[in-house]
């Protein structure tokens, strides 16, 4: 079964994405912090990821994005703060799905990345 990593600090958004991934026949691997996400990348065969950009307290998804890129795994950025992190988003060079977005639409986008 395909495993998709979700790095999301908002519980309701995370739950929506988890259910949508399960409904799509995908194994969701959930993380609230970069540390949890990096551990999941090591432990599981992650095919792709949905990364929330801003994780609160000044933290971003950057270290997870860098690791996924190093491993050649595709990811998309799911953010509600396009104005404040525009330059940062360009540096990550990944597809962006702005919040709010329906969870099934986000799942379709990430599944398109892996064909």
PDB file of N, CA and C in Angstrom:
ATOM      1  N   UNK A   1       0.846  -1.180   0.000  1.00  0.00           N
ATOM      2  CA  UNK A   1       0.000   0.000   0.000  1.00  0.00           C
ATOM      3  C   UNK A   1       0.894   1.247   0.000  1.00  0.00           C
ATOM      4  N   UNK A   2       0.508   2.240  -0.754  1.00  0.00           N
ATOM      5  CA  UNK A   2       1.245   3.497  -0.843  1.00  0.00           C
ATOM      6  C   UNK A   2       1.096   4.264   0.464  1.00  0.00           C
ATOM      7  N   UNK A   3       2.212   4.790   0.971  1.00  0.00           N
ATOM      8  CA  UNK A   3       2.192   5.592   2.198  1.00  0.00           C
ATOM      9  C   UNK A   3       2.474   7.051   1.858  1.00  0.00           C
ATOM     10  N   UNK A   4       1.622   7.928   2.362  1.00  0.00           N
ATOM     11  CA  UNK A   4       1.772   9.371   2.176  1.00  0.00           C
ATOM     12  C   UNK A   4       1.977  10.004   3.542  1.00  0.00           C
ATOM     13  N   UNK A   5       3.025  10.787   3.664  1.00  0.00           N
ATOM     14  CA  UNK A   5       3.305  11.523   4.894  1.00  0.00           C
ATOM     15  C   UNK A   5       2.492  12.811   4.911  1.00  0.00           C
ATOM     16  N   UNK A   6       1.888  13.106   6.038  1.00  0.00           N
ATOM     17  CA  UNK A   6       1.198  14.377   6.241  1.00  0.00           C
ATOM     18  C   UNK A   6       1.841  15.055   7.443  1.00  0.00           C
ATOM     19  N   UNK A   7       2.443  16.209   7.196  1.00  0.00           N
ATOM     20  CA  UNK A   7       2.990  17.037   8.276  1.00  0.00           C
ATOM     21  C   UNK A   7       2.041  18.207   8.447  1.00  0.00           C
ATOM     22  N   UNK A   8       1.268  18.187   9.525  1.00  0.00           N
ATOM     23  CA  UNK A   8       0.218  19.187   9.753  1.00  0.00           C
ATOM     24  C   UNK A   8       0.028  19.368  11.244  1.00  0.00           C
ATOM     25  N   UNK A   9       0.090  20.621  11.702  1.00  0.00           N
ATOM     26  CA  UNK A   9      -0.047  20.889  13.137  1.00  0.00           C
ATOM     27  C   UNK A   9      -1.469  21.228  13.562  1.00  0.00           C
ATOM     28  N   UNK A  10      -2.364  21.445  12.615  1.00  0.00           N
ATOM     29  CA  UNK A  10      -3.763  21.742  12.953  1.00  0.00           C
ATOM     30  C   UNK A  10      -4.553  20.432  12.997  1.00  0.00           C
ATOM     31  N   UNK A  11      -5.059  20.042  14.180  1.00  0.00           N
ATOM     32  CA  UNK A  11      -5.696  18.722  14.328  1.00  0.00           C
ATOM     33  C   UNK A  11      -6.861  18.454  13.380  1.00  0.00           C
ATOM     34  N   UNK A  12      -7.722  19.441  13.150  1.00  0.00           N
ATOM     35  CA  UNK A  12      -8.888  19.187  12.293  1.00  0.00           C
ATOM     36  C   UNK A  12      -8.483  19.011  10.831  1.00  0.00           C
ATOM     37  N   UNK A  13      -7.507  19.789  10.378  1.00  0.00           N
ATOM     38  CA  UNK A  13      -7.017  19.633   9.008  1.00  0.00           C
ATOM     39  C   UNK A  13      -6.332  18.275   8.868  1.00  0.00           C
ATOM     40  N   UNK A  14      -5.528  17.910   9.852  1.00  0.00           N
ATOM     41  CA  UNK A  14      -4.841  16.623   9.826  1.00  0.00           C
ATOM     42  C   UNK A  14      -5.844  15.472   9.762  1.00  0.00           C
ATOM     43  N   UNK A  15      -6.884  15.551  10.568  1.00  0.00           N
ATOM     44  CA  UNK A  15      -7.898  14.495  10.587  1.00  0.00           C
ATOM     45  C   UNK A  15      -8.605  14.385   9.237  1.00  0.00           C
ATOM     46  N   UNK A  16      -8.961  15.529   8.640  1.00  0.00           N
ATOM     47  CA  UNK A  16      -9.594  15.522   7.318  1.00  0.00           C
ATOM     48  C   UNK A  16      -8.692  14.860   6.284  1.00  0.00           C
ATOM     49  N   UNK A  17      -7.411  15.218   6.294  1.00  0.00           N
ATOM     50  CA  UNK A  17      -6.474  14.637   5.334  1.00  0.00           C
ATOM     51  C   UNK A  17      -6.281  13.146   5.586  1.00  0.00           C
ATOM     52  N   UNK A  18      -6.212  12.761   6.844  1.00  0.00           N
ATOM     53  CA  UNK A  18      -6.054  11.350   7.184  1.00  0.00           C
ATOM     54  C   UNK A  18      -7.219  10.521   6.643  1.00  0.00           C
ATOM     55  N   UNK A  19      -8.448  11.001   6.867  1.00  0.00           N
ATOM     56  CA  UNK A  19      -9.626  10.283   6.374  1.00  0.00           C
ATOM     57  C   UNK A  19      -9.663  10.256   4.847  1.00  0.00           C
ATOM     58  N   UNK A  20      -9.327  11.371   4.209  1.00  0.00           N
ATOM     59  CA  UNK A  20      -9.350  11.435   2.743  1.00  0.00           C
ATOM     60  C   UNK A  20      -8.310  10.496   2.138  1.00  0.00           C
ATOM     61  N   UNK A  21      -7.144  10.420   2.740  1.00  0.00           N
ATOM     62  CA  UNK A  21      -6.122   9.490   2.254  1.00  0.00           C
ATOM     63  C   UNK A  21      -6.581   8.046   2.413  1.00  0.00           C
ATOM     64  N   UNK A  22      -7.136   7.731   3.576  1.00  0.00           N
ATOM     65  CA  UNK A  22      -7.652   6.371   3.804  1.00  0.00           C
ATOM     66  C   UNK A  22      -8.740   6.024   2.804  1.00  0.00           C
ATOM     67  N   UNK A  23      -9.654   6.976   2.570  1.00  0.00           N
ATOM     68  CA  UNK A  23     -10.731   6.754   1.600  1.00  0.00           C
ATOM     69  C   UNK A  23     -10.194   6.518   0.195  1.00  0.00           C
ATOM     70  N   UNK A  24      -9.036   7.092  -0.113  1.00  0.00           N
ATOM     71  CA  UNK A  24      -8.420   6.935  -1.429  1.00  0.00           C
ATOM     72  C   UNK A  24      -7.586   5.657  -1.524  1.00  0.00           C
ATOM     73  N   UNK A  25      -7.571   4.868  -0.451  1.00  0.00           N
ATOM     74  CA  UNK A  25      -6.829   3.619  -0.462  1.00  0.00           C
ATOM     75  C   UNK A  25      -5.346   3.786  -0.209  1.00  0.00           C
ATOM     76  N   UNK A  26      -5.005   4.874   0.458  1.00  0.00           N
ATOM     77  CA  UNK A  26      -3.617   5.201   0.742  1.00  0.00           C
ATOM     78  C   UNK A  26      -3.394   5.108   2.243  1.00  0.00           C
ATOM     79  N   UNK A  27      -2.176   4.733   2.634  1.00  0.00           N
ATOM     80  CA  UNK A  27      -1.835   4.644   4.046  1.00  0.00           C
ATOM     81  C   UNK A  27      -1.296   5.997   4.531  1.00  0.00           C
ATOM     82  N   UNK A  28      -2.067   6.720   5.357  1.00  0.00           N
ATOM     83  CA  UNK A  28      -1.575   8.000   5.863  1.00  0.00           C
ATOM     84  C   UNK A  28      -0.568   7.796   6.997  1.00  0.00           C
ATOM     85  N   UNK A  29       0.505   8.548   6.942  1.00  0.00           N
ATOM     86  CA  UNK A  29       1.502   8.584   8.020  1.00  0.00           C
ATOM     87  C   UNK A  29       1.509  10.008   8.536  1.00  0.00           C
ATOM     88  N   UNK A  30       0.970  10.190   9.720  1.00  0.00           N
ATOM     89  CA  UNK A  30       0.712  11.517  10.259  1.00  0.00           C
ATOM     90  C   UNK A  30       1.845  11.996  11.169  1.00  0.00           C
ATOM     91  N   UNK A  31       2.143  13.294  11.067  1.00  0.00           N
ATOM     92  CA  UNK A  31       3.150  13.920  11.925  1.00  0.00           C
ATOM     93  C   UNK A  31       2.712  15.346  12.228  1.00  0.00           C
ATOM     94  N   UNK A  32       2.975  15.778  13.459  1.00  0.00           N
ATOM     95  CA  UNK A  32       2.656  17.156  13.867  1.00  0.00           C
ATOM     96  C   UNK A  32       3.901  18.035  13.924  1.00  0.00           C
ATOM     97  N   UNK A  33       5.078  17.406  13.965  1.00  0.00           N
ATOM     98  CA  UNK A  33       6.332  18.147  14.071  1.00  0.00           C
ATOM     99  C   UNK A  33       7.316  17.629  13.029  1.00  0.00           C
ATOM    100  N   UNK A  34       8.343  18.412  12.773  1.00  0.00           N
ATOM    101  CA  UNK A  34       9.392  17.966  11.847  1.00  0.00           C
ATOM    102  C   UNK A  34      10.068  16.711  12.371  1.00  0.00           C
ATOM    103  N   UNK A  35      10.266  16.639  13.662  1.00  0.00           N
ATOM    104  CA  UNK A  35      10.914  15.469  14.250  1.00  0.00           C
ATOM    105  C   UNK A  35      10.093  14.208  13.978  1.00  0.00           C
ATOM    106  N   UNK A  36       8.782  14.291  14.178  1.00  0.00           N
ATOM    107  CA  UNK A  36       7.915  13.142  13.899  1.00  0.00           C
ATOM    108  C   UNK A  36       7.937  12.791  12.414  1.00  0.00           C
ATOM    109  N   UNK A  37       7.938  13.800  11.565  1.00  0.00           N
ATOM    110  CA  UNK A  37       7.949  13.559  10.122  1.00  0.00           C
ATOM    111  C   UNK A  37       9.247  12.896   9.686  1.00  0.00           C
ATOM    112  N   UNK A  38      10.373  13.370  10.192  1.00  0.00           N
ATOM    113  CA  UNK A  38      11.663  12.775   9.837  1.00  0.00           C
ATOM    114  C   UNK A  38      11.757  11.330  10.322  1.00  0.00           C
ATOM    115  N   UNK A  39      11.210  11.056  11.488  1.00  0.00           N
ATOM    116  CA  UNK A  39      11.184   9.677  11.995  1.00  0.00           C
ATOM    117  C   UNK A  39      10.327   8.784  11.095  1.00  0.00           C
ATOM    118  N   UNK A  40       9.202   9.309  10.614  1.00  0.00           N
ATOM    119  CA  UNK A  40       8.332   8.531   9.721  1.00  0.00           C
ATOM    120  C   UNK A  40       9.024   8.245   8.393  1.00  0.00           C
ATOM    121  N   UNK A  41       9.801   9.202   7.897  1.00  0.00           N
ATOM    122  CA  UNK A  41      10.533   9.004   6.644  1.00  0.00           C
ATOM    123  C   UNK A  41      11.532   7.871   6.792  1.00  0.00           C
ATOM    124  N   UNK A  42      12.162   7.783   7.955  1.00  0.00           N
ATOM    125  CA  UNK A  42      13.125   6.716   8.214  1.00  0.00           C
ATOM    126  C   UNK A  42      12.424   5.371   8.384  1.00  0.00           C
ATOM    127  N   UNK A  43      11.308   5.374   9.095  1.00  0.00           N
ATOM    128  CA  UNK A  43      10.633   4.125   9.454  1.00  0.00           C
ATOM    129  C   UNK A  43       9.801   3.521   8.316  1.00  0.00           C
ATOM    130  N   UNK A  44       9.192   4.358   7.489  1.00  0.00           N
ATOM    131  CA  UNK A  44       8.260   3.880   6.467  1.00  0.00           C
ATOM    132  C   UNK A  44       8.754   4.234   5.072  1.00  0.00           C
ATOM    133  N   UNK A  45       8.270   3.509   4.106  1.00  0.00           N
ATOM    134  CA  UNK A  45       8.556   3.816   2.701  1.00  0.00           C
ATOM    135  C   UNK A  45       7.536   4.858   2.240  1.00  0.00           C
ATOM    136  N   UNK A  46       7.900   6.114   2.370  1.00  0.00           N
ATOM    137  CA  UNK A  46       7.017   7.226   2.039  1.00  0.00           C
ATOM    138  C   UNK A  46       7.103   7.496   0.536  1.00  0.00           C
ATOM    139  N   UNK A  47       5.954   7.496  -0.141  1.00  0.00           N
ATOM    140  CA  UNK A  47       5.931   7.745  -1.583  1.00  0.00           C
ATOM    141  C   UNK A  47       5.897   9.234  -1.903  1.00  0.00           C
ATOM    142  N   UNK A  48       5.232  10.017  -1.049  1.00  0.00           N
ATOM    143  CA  UNK A  48       5.088  11.455  -1.259  1.00  0.00           C
ATOM    144  C   UNK A  48       4.613  12.069   0.057  1.00  0.00           C
ATOM    145  N   UNK A  49       4.511  13.396   0.067  1.00  0.00           N
ATOM    146  CA  UNK A  49       4.119  14.057   1.316  1.00  0.00           C
ATOM    147  C   UNK A  49       3.299  15.310   1.056  1.00  0.00           C
ATOM    148  N   UNK A  50       2.483  15.622   2.049  1.00  0.00           N
ATOM    149  CA  UNK A  50       1.732  16.871   2.134  1.00  0.00           C
ATOM    150  C   UNK A  50       2.321  17.608   3.322  1.00  0.00           C
ATOM    151  N   UNK A  51       2.917  18.773   3.072  1.00  0.00           N
ATOM    152  CA  UNK A  51       3.598  19.511   4.131  1.00  0.00           C
ATOM    153  C   UNK A  51       2.926  20.841   4.405  1.00  0.00           C
ATOM    154  N   UNK A  52       2.499  21.026   5.639  1.00  0.00           N
ATOM    155  CA  UNK A  52       2.061  22.341   6.103  1.00  0.00           C
ATOM    156  C   UNK A  52       3.333  23.182   6.223  1.00  0.00           C
ATOM    157  N   UNK A  53       3.309  24.394   5.717  1.00  0.00           N
ATOM    158  CA  UNK A  53       4.519  25.219   5.716  1.00  0.00           C
ATOM    159  C   UNK A  53       4.830  25.748   7.102  1.00  0.00           C
ATOM    160  N   UNK A  54       3.866  26.397   7.736  1.00  0.00           N
ATOM    161  CA  UNK A  54       4.082  27.000   9.053  1.00  0.00           C
ATOM    162  C   UNK A  54       3.547  26.074  10.138  1.00  0.00           C
ATOM    163  N   UNK A  55       4.444  25.677  11.028  1.00  0.00           N
ATOM    164  CA  UNK A  55       4.092  24.713  12.073  1.00  0.00           C
ATOM    165  C   UNK A  55       3.983  25.353  13.448  1.00  0.00           C
ATOM    166  N   UNK A  56       3.936  26.656  13.503  1.00  0.00           N
ATOM    167  CA  UNK A  56       3.799  27.357  14.778  1.00  0.00           C
ATOM    168  C   UNK A  56       5.128  27.566  15.468  1.00  0.00           C
ATOM    169  N   UNK A  57       5.173  28.565  16.327  1.00  0.00           N
ATOM    170  CA  UNK A  57       6.369  28.890  17.116  1.00  0.00           C
ATOM    171  C   UNK A  57       7.587  29.140  16.231  1.00  0.00           C
ATOM    172  N   UNK A  58       7.360  29.717  15.028  1.00  0.00           N
ATOM    173  CA  UNK A  58       8.454  30.040  14.130  1.00  0.00           C
ATOM    174  C   UNK A  58       9.037  28.866  13.375  1.00  0.00           C
ATOM    175  N   UNK A  59       8.453  27.700  13.510  1.00  0.00           N
ATOM    176  CA  UNK A  59       8.958  26.495  12.834  1.00  0.00           C
ATOM    177  C   UNK A  59       8.299  26.359  11.458  1.00  0.00           C
ATOM    178  N   UNK A  60       9.060  25.823  10.504  1.00  0.00           N
ATOM    179  CA  UNK A  60       8.541  25.540   9.176  1.00  0.00           C
ATOM    180  C   UNK A  60       8.868  24.091   8.802  1.00  0.00           C
ATOM    181  N   UNK A  61       8.382  23.691   7.656  1.00  0.00           N
ATOM    182  CA  UNK A  61       8.588  22.329   7.162  1.00  0.00           C
ATOM    183  C   UNK A  61       9.909  22.174   6.411  1.00  0.00           C
ATOM    184  N   UNK A  62      10.754  23.186   6.414  1.00  0.00           N
ATOM    185  CA  UNK A  62      11.927  23.199   5.555  1.00  0.00           C
ATOM    186  C   UNK A  62      12.816  21.959   5.694  1.00  0.00           C
ATOM    187  N   UNK A  63      13.136  21.547   6.917  1.00  0.00           N
ATOM    188  CA  UNK A  63      14.059  20.411   7.058  1.00  0.00           C
ATOM    189  C   UNK A  63      13.453  19.127   6.506  1.00  0.00           C
ATOM    190  N   UNK A  64      12.141  18.976   6.595  1.00  0.00           N
ATOM    191  CA  UNK A  64      11.480  17.790   6.037  1.00  0.00           C
ATOM    192  C   UNK A  64      11.488  17.872   4.516  1.00  0.00           C
ATOM    193  N   UNK A  65      11.215  19.043   3.968  1.00  0.00           N
ATOM    194  CA  UNK A  65      11.247  19.236   2.517  1.00  0.00           C
ATOM    195  C   UNK A  65      12.638  18.926   1.960  1.00  0.00           C
ATOM    196  N   UNK A  66      13.664  19.394   2.641  1.00  0.00           N
ATOM    197  CA  UNK A  66      15.040  19.143   2.201  1.00  0.00           C
ATOM    198  C   UNK A  66      15.331  17.639   2.195  1.00  0.00           C
ATOM    199  N   UNK A  67      14.913  16.940   3.227  1.00  0.00           N
ATOM    200  CA  UNK A  67      15.156  15.495   3.301  1.00  0.00           C
ATOM    201  C   UNK A  67      14.381  14.745   2.214  1.00  0.00           C
ATOM    202  N   UNK A  68      13.128  15.121   2.001  1.00  0.00           N
ATOM    203  CA  UNK A  68      12.345  14.475   0.947  1.00  0.00           C
ATOM    204  C   UNK A  68      12.992  14.710  -0.421  1.00  0.00           C
ATOM    205  N   UNK A  69      13.446  15.917  -0.658  1.00  0.00           N
ATOM    206  CA  UNK A  69      14.109  16.222  -1.933  1.00  0.00           C
ATOM    207  C   UNK A  69      15.381  15.380  -2.073  1.00  0.00           C
ATOM    208  N   UNK A  70      16.142  15.259  -1.002  1.00  0.00           N
ATOM    209  CA  UNK A  70      17.376  14.465  -1.027  1.00  0.00           C
ATOM    210  C   UNK A  70      17.070  13.015  -1.407  1.00  0.00           C
ATOM    211  N   UNK A  71      15.938  12.502  -0.919  1.00  0.00           N
ATOM    212  CA  UNK A  71      15.537  11.121  -1.197  1.00  0.00           C
ATOM    213  C   UNK A  71      14.803  10.963  -2.531  1.00  0.00           C
ATOM    214  N   UNK A  72      14.530  12.084  -3.186  1.00  0.00           N
ATOM    215  CA  UNK A  72      13.814  12.030  -4.458  1.00  0.00           C
ATOM    216  C   UNK A  72      12.332  11.762  -4.317  1.00  0.00           C
ATOM    217  N   UNK A  73      11.764  12.109  -3.166  1.00  0.00           N
ATOM    218  CA  UNK A  73      10.327  11.912  -2.920  1.00  0.00           C
ATOM    219  C   UNK A  73       9.583  13.220  -3.184  1.00  0.00           C
ATOM    220  N   UNK A  74       8.504  13.173  -3.961  1.00  0.00           N
ATOM    221  CA  UNK A  74       7.750  14.395  -4.235  1.00  0.00           C
ATOM    222  C   UNK A  74       6.937  14.837  -3.018  1.00  0.00           C
ATOM    223  N   UNK A  75       6.683  16.128  -2.965  1.00  0.00           N
ATOM    224  CA  UNK A  75       5.842  16.672  -1.900  1.00  0.00           C
ATOM    225  C   UNK A  75       5.137  17.910  -2.410  1.00  0.00           C
ATOM    226  N   UNK A  76       4.040  18.238  -1.747  1.00  0.00           N
ATOM    227  CA  UNK A  76       3.364  19.495  -2.023  1.00  0.00           C
ATOM    228  C   UNK A  76       3.267  20.281  -0.729  1.00  0.00           C
ATOM    229  N   UNK A  77       3.135  21.570  -0.887  1.00  0.00           N
ATOM    230  CA  UNK A  77       3.023  22.482   0.253  1.00  0.00           C
ATOM    231  C   UNK A  77       1.574  22.886   0.414  1.00  0.00           C
ATOM    232  N   UNK A  78       1.074  22.767   1.619  1.00  0.00           N
ATOM    233  CA  UNK A  78      -0.317  23.070   1.944  1.00  0.00           C
ATOM    234  C   UNK A  78      -0.279  24.201   2.953  1.00  0.00           C
ATOM    235  N   UNK A  79      -0.596  25.411   2.508  1.00  0.00           N
ATOM    236  CA  UNK A  79      -0.421  26.563   3.382  1.00  0.00           C
ATOM    237  C   UNK A  79      -1.549  27.570   3.249  1.00  0.00           C
ATOM    238  N   UNK A  80      -1.821  28.232   4.335  1.00  0.00           N
ATOM    239  CA  UNK A  80      -2.815  29.301   4.342  1.00  0.00           C
ATOM    240  C   UNK A  80      -2.169  30.666   4.421  1.00  0.00           C
ATOM    241  N   UNK A  81      -0.862  30.733   4.303  1.00  0.00           N
ATOM    242  CA  UNK A  81      -0.133  31.977   4.513  1.00  0.00           C
ATOM    243  C   UNK A  81       0.758  32.295   3.309  1.00  0.00           C
ATOM    244  N   UNK A  82       0.145  32.407   2.149  1.00  0.00           N
ATOM    245  CA  UNK A  82       0.909  32.634   0.927  1.00  0.00           C
ATOM    246  C   UNK A  82       1.645  33.965   0.930  1.00  0.00           C
ATOM    247  N   UNK A  83       1.048  34.992   1.518  1.00  0.00           N
ATOM    248  CA  UNK A  83       1.670  36.321   1.510  1.00  0.00           C
ATOM    249  C   UNK A  83       2.936  36.377   2.339  1.00  0.00           C
ATOM    250  N   UNK A  84       2.886  35.820   3.519  1.00  0.00           N
ATOM    251  CA  UNK A  84       3.994  35.970   4.454  1.00  0.00           C
ATOM    252  C   UNK A  84       5.192  35.089   4.115  1.00  0.00           C
ATOM    253  N   UNK A  85       4.989  34.019   3.399  1.00  0.00           N
ATOM    254  CA  UNK A  85       6.118  33.120   3.139  1.00  0.00           C
ATOM    255  C   UNK A  85       6.368  32.911   1.654  1.00  0.00           C
ATOM    256  N   UNK A  86       6.089  33.925   0.844  1.00  0.00           N
ATOM    257  CA  UNK A  86       6.252  33.815  -0.603  1.00  0.00           C
ATOM    258  C   UNK A  86       7.645  33.427  -1.043  1.00  0.00           C
ATOM    259  N   UNK A  87       8.665  34.115  -0.554  1.00  0.00           N
ATOM    260  CA  UNK A  87      10.052  33.820  -0.950  1.00  0.00           C
ATOM    261  C   UNK A  87      10.456  32.418  -0.493  1.00  0.00           C
ATOM    262  N   UNK A  88      10.090  32.081   0.721  1.00  0.00           N
ATOM    263  CA  UNK A  88      10.383  30.753   1.269  1.00  0.00           C
ATOM    264  C   UNK A  88       9.772  29.670   0.389  1.00  0.00           C
ATOM    265  N   UNK A  89       8.529  29.887  -0.060  1.00  0.00           N
ATOM    266  CA  UNK A  89       7.855  28.901  -0.901  1.00  0.00           C
ATOM    267  C   UNK A  89       8.560  28.744  -2.239  1.00  0.00           C
ATOM    268  N   UNK A  90       9.020  29.836  -2.819  1.00  0.00           N
ATOM    269  CA  UNK A  90       9.753  29.751  -4.088  1.00  0.00           C
ATOM    270  C   UNK A  90      11.030  28.937  -3.922  1.00  0.00           C
ATOM    271  N   UNK A  91      11.695  29.105  -2.801  1.00  0.00           N
ATOM    272  CA  UNK A  91      12.932  28.364  -2.549  1.00  0.00           C
ATOM    273  C   UNK A  91      12.683  26.859  -2.474  1.00  0.00           C
ATOM    274  N   UNK A  92      11.541  26.449  -1.938  1.00  0.00           N
ATOM    275  CA  UNK A  92      11.240  25.024  -1.822  1.00  0.00           C
ATOM    276  C   UNK A  92      10.865  24.402  -3.167  1.00  0.00           C
ATOM    277  N   UNK A  93      10.415  25.236  -4.115  1.00  0.00           N
ATOM    278  CA  UNK A  93      10.130  24.793  -5.473  1.00  0.00           C
ATOM    279  C   UNK A  93       9.279  23.519  -5.510  1.00  0.00           C
ATOM    280  N   UNK A  94       8.073  23.630  -4.967  1.00  0.00           N
ATOM    281  CA  UNK A  94       7.144  22.496  -4.934  1.00  0.00           C
ATOM    282  C   UNK A  94       5.741  23.009  -5.244  1.00  0.00           C
ATOM    283  N   UNK A  95       4.860  22.124  -5.691  1.00  0.00           N
ATOM    284  CA  UNK A  95       3.473  22.541  -5.907  1.00  0.00           C
ATOM    285  C   UNK A  95       2.866  23.064  -4.607  1.00  0.00           C
ATOM    286  N   UNK A  96       1.998  24.062  -4.735  1.00  0.00           N
ATOM    287  CA  UNK A  96       1.363  24.677  -3.572  1.00  0.00           C
ATOM    288  C   UNK A  96      -0.148  24.511  -3.683  1.00  0.00           C
ATOM    289  N   UNK A  97      -0.763  24.037  -2.607  1.00  0.00           N
ATOM    290  CA  UNK A  97      -2.214  23.988  -2.498  1.00  0.00           C
ATOM    291  C   UNK A  97      -2.589  24.932  -1.364  1.00  0.00           C
ATOM    292  N   UNK A  98      -3.220  26.067  -1.708  1.00  0.00           N
ATOM    293  CA  UNK A  98      -3.559  27.031  -0.657  1.00  0.00           C
ATOM    294  C   UNK A  98      -4.701  26.544   0.234  1.00  0.00           C
ATOM    295  N   UNK A  99      -4.583  26.867   1.509  1.00  0.00           N
ATOM    296  CA  UNK A  99      -5.675  26.602   2.457  1.00  0.00           C
ATOM    297  C   UNK A  99      -6.629  27.787   2.395  1.00  0.00           C
ATOM    298  N   UNK A 100      -7.902  27.565   2.584  1.00  0.00           N
ATOM    299  CA  UNK A 100      -8.546  26.259   2.786  1.00  0.00           C
ATOM    300  C   UNK A 100      -8.737  25.541   1.450  1.00  0.00           C
ATOM    301  N   UNK A 101      -8.611  24.239   1.508  1.00  0.00           N
ATOM    302  CA  UNK A 101      -8.849  23.380   0.348  1.00  0.00           C
ATOM    303  C   UNK A 101      -9.511  22.103   0.845  1.00  0.00           C
ATOM    304  N   UNK A 102     -10.400  21.573   0.036  1.00  0.00           N
ATOM    305  CA  UNK A 102     -11.056  20.319   0.401  1.00  0.00           C
ATOM    306  C   UNK A 102     -10.001  19.214   0.483  1.00  0.00           C
ATOM    307  N   UNK A 103     -10.092  18.388   1.503  1.00  0.00           N
ATOM    308  CA  UNK A 103      -9.098  17.334   1.730  1.00  0.00           C
ATOM    309  C   UNK A 103      -8.984  16.402   0.529  1.00  0.00           C
ATOM    310  N   UNK A 104     -10.089  16.057  -0.100  1.00  0.00           N
ATOM    311  CA  UNK A 104     -10.012  15.153  -1.253  1.00  0.00           C
ATOM    312  C   UNK A 104      -9.283  15.803  -2.424  1.00  0.00           C
ATOM    313  N   UNK A 105      -9.371  17.124  -2.563  1.00  0.00           N
ATOM    314  CA  UNK A 105      -8.638  17.824  -3.614  1.00  0.00           C
ATOM    315  C   UNK A 105      -7.134  17.801  -3.332  1.00  0.00           C
ATOM    316  N   UNK A 106      -6.765  17.965  -2.066  1.00  0.00           N
ATOM    317  CA  UNK A 106      -5.356  17.902  -1.683  1.00  0.00           C
ATOM    318  C   UNK A 106      -4.812  16.498  -1.949  1.00  0.00           C
ATOM    319  N   UNK A 107      -5.584  15.500  -1.619  1.00  0.00           N
ATOM    320  CA  UNK A 107      -5.177  14.109  -1.845  1.00  0.00           C
ATOM    321  C   UNK A 107      -5.010  13.832  -3.344  1.00  0.00           C
ATOM    322  N   UNK A 108      -5.923  14.324  -4.162  1.00  0.00           N
ATOM    323  CA  UNK A 108      -5.779  14.139  -5.621  1.00  0.00           C
ATOM    324  C   UNK A 108      -4.479  14.763  -6.119  1.00  0.00           C
ATOM    325  N   UNK A 109      -4.166  15.959  -5.600  1.00  0.00           N
ATOM    326  CA  UNK A 109      -2.929  16.651  -5.995  1.00  0.00           C
ATOM    327  C   UNK A 109      -1.693  15.830  -5.635  1.00  0.00           C
ATOM    328  N   UNK A 110      -1.641  15.299  -4.406  1.00  0.00           N
ATOM    329  CA  UNK A 110      -0.456  14.550  -4.000  1.00  0.00           C
ATOM    330  C   UNK A 110      -0.378  13.220  -4.757  1.00  0.00           C
ATOM    331  N   UNK A 111      -1.497  12.589  -5.022  1.00  0.00           N
ATOM    332  CA  UNK A 111      -1.476  11.331  -5.774  1.00  0.00           C
ATOM    333  C   UNK A 111      -1.042  11.560  -7.216  1.00  0.00           C
ATOM    334  N   UNK A 112      -1.360  12.721  -7.772  1.00  0.00           N
ATOM    335  CA  UNK A 112      -0.909  13.053  -9.116  1.00  0.00           C
ATOM    336  C   UNK A 112       0.626  13.146  -9.181  1.00  0.00           C
ATOM    337  N   UNK A 113       1.255  13.510  -8.057  1.00  0.00           N
ATOM    338  CA  UNK A 113       2.710  13.622  -8.030  1.00  0.00           C
ATOM    339  C   UNK A 113       3.400  12.267  -8.183  1.00  0.00           C
ATOM    340  N   UNK A 114       2.721  11.216  -7.767  1.00  0.00           N
ATOM    341  CA  UNK A 114       3.335   9.876  -7.855  1.00  0.00           C
ATOM    342  C   UNK A 114       2.778   9.046  -8.999  1.00  0.00           C
ATOM    343  N   UNK A 115       1.843   9.663  -9.737  1.00  0.00           N
ATOM    344  CA  UNK A 115       1.314   8.990 -10.936  1.00  0.00           C
ATOM    345  C   UNK A 115       0.372   7.941 -10.580  1.00  0.00           C
TER     346      UNK A 115
END
